[in-house]
Amino acid sequence: MNTKTIADKAVRKETKRKARKAADEKNPLQPRPAGVDRGSLKRKVKVIARGQRKR
């Protein structure tokens, strides 16, 4: 939403909030599909040891 033309800060903030709420109602977040973990539940990537080369 473009609010450059609105000079009053309070009015601009209220307009943005209304637009954000309308966008959320129009396209709500979908639940994650089964088997897709997030954050701390994800498998961790093993870090390779640094130092001498293997060969």
Protein backbone atom coordinates (compact mmCIF):
# COMPACT_ATOMS: atom_id res chain seq x y z
CA MET A 1 0.00 0.00 0.00
CA ASN A 2 1.36 3.43 -0.97
CA THR A 3 0.88 6.02 1.78
CA LYS A 4 3.37 8.63 0.57
CA THR A 5 0.59 11.15 -0.08
CA ILE A 6 -0.68 11.04 3.54
CA ALA A 7 1.18 13.65 5.59
CA ASP A 8 -0.37 13.02 9.03
CA LYS A 9 1.52 10.23 10.81
CA ALA A 10 -1.43 8.96 12.87
CA VAL A 11 -3.75 8.77 9.85
CA ARG A 12 -1.06 7.04 7.79
CA LYS A 13 -0.51 4.46 10.56
CA GLU A 14 -4.24 3.76 10.86
CA THR A 15 -4.57 3.37 7.08
CA LYS A 16 -1.69 0.90 6.97
CA ARG A 17 -3.17 -1.13 9.84
CA LYS A 18 -6.54 -1.37 8.08
CA ALA A 19 -4.86 -2.45 4.83
CA ARG A 20 -2.74 -5.05 6.63
CA LYS A 21 -5.77 -6.49 8.40
CA ALA A 22 -7.75 -6.66 5.14
CA ALA A 23 -4.84 -8.44 3.44
CA ASP A 24 -4.63 -10.99 6.27
CA GLU A 25 -8.36 -11.71 6.09
CA LYS A 26 -8.22 -12.09 2.31
CA ASN A 27 -5.26 -14.50 2.33
CA PRO A 28 -4.82 -16.17 5.77
CA LEU A 29 -1.74 -18.21 6.62
CA GLN A 30 -2.07 -21.88 5.74
CA PRO A 31 -0.99 -24.58 8.21
CA ARG A 32 2.26 -26.32 7.44
CA PRO A 33 2.01 -29.61 5.55
CA ALA A 34 2.56 -32.79 7.53
CA GLY A 35 6.20 -33.75 7.90
CA VAL A 36 7.58 -30.21 7.52
CA ASP A 37 9.41 -29.20 10.68
CA ARG A 38 10.27 -25.67 11.65
CA GLY A 39 13.21 -24.14 13.49
CA SER A 40 14.58 -26.24 16.34
CA LEU A 41 12.78 -29.38 15.12
CA LYS A 42 14.72 -29.46 11.83
CA ARG A 43 17.59 -31.87 11.34
CA LYS A 44 20.95 -30.21 11.92
CA VAL A 45 23.71 -30.14 9.32
CA LYS A 46 26.87 -31.84 10.52
CA VAL A 47 29.88 -29.52 10.55
CA ILE A 48 33.02 -30.92 8.95
CA ALA A 49 36.09 -30.77 11.18
CA ARG A 50 38.67 -28.23 10.13
CA GLY A 51 42.38 -28.97 10.00
CA GLN A 52 44.46 -31.23 7.80
CA ARG A 53 43.10 -32.47 4.52
CA LYS A 54 41.95 -36.07 4.38
CA ARG A 55 44.18 -36.83 1.41
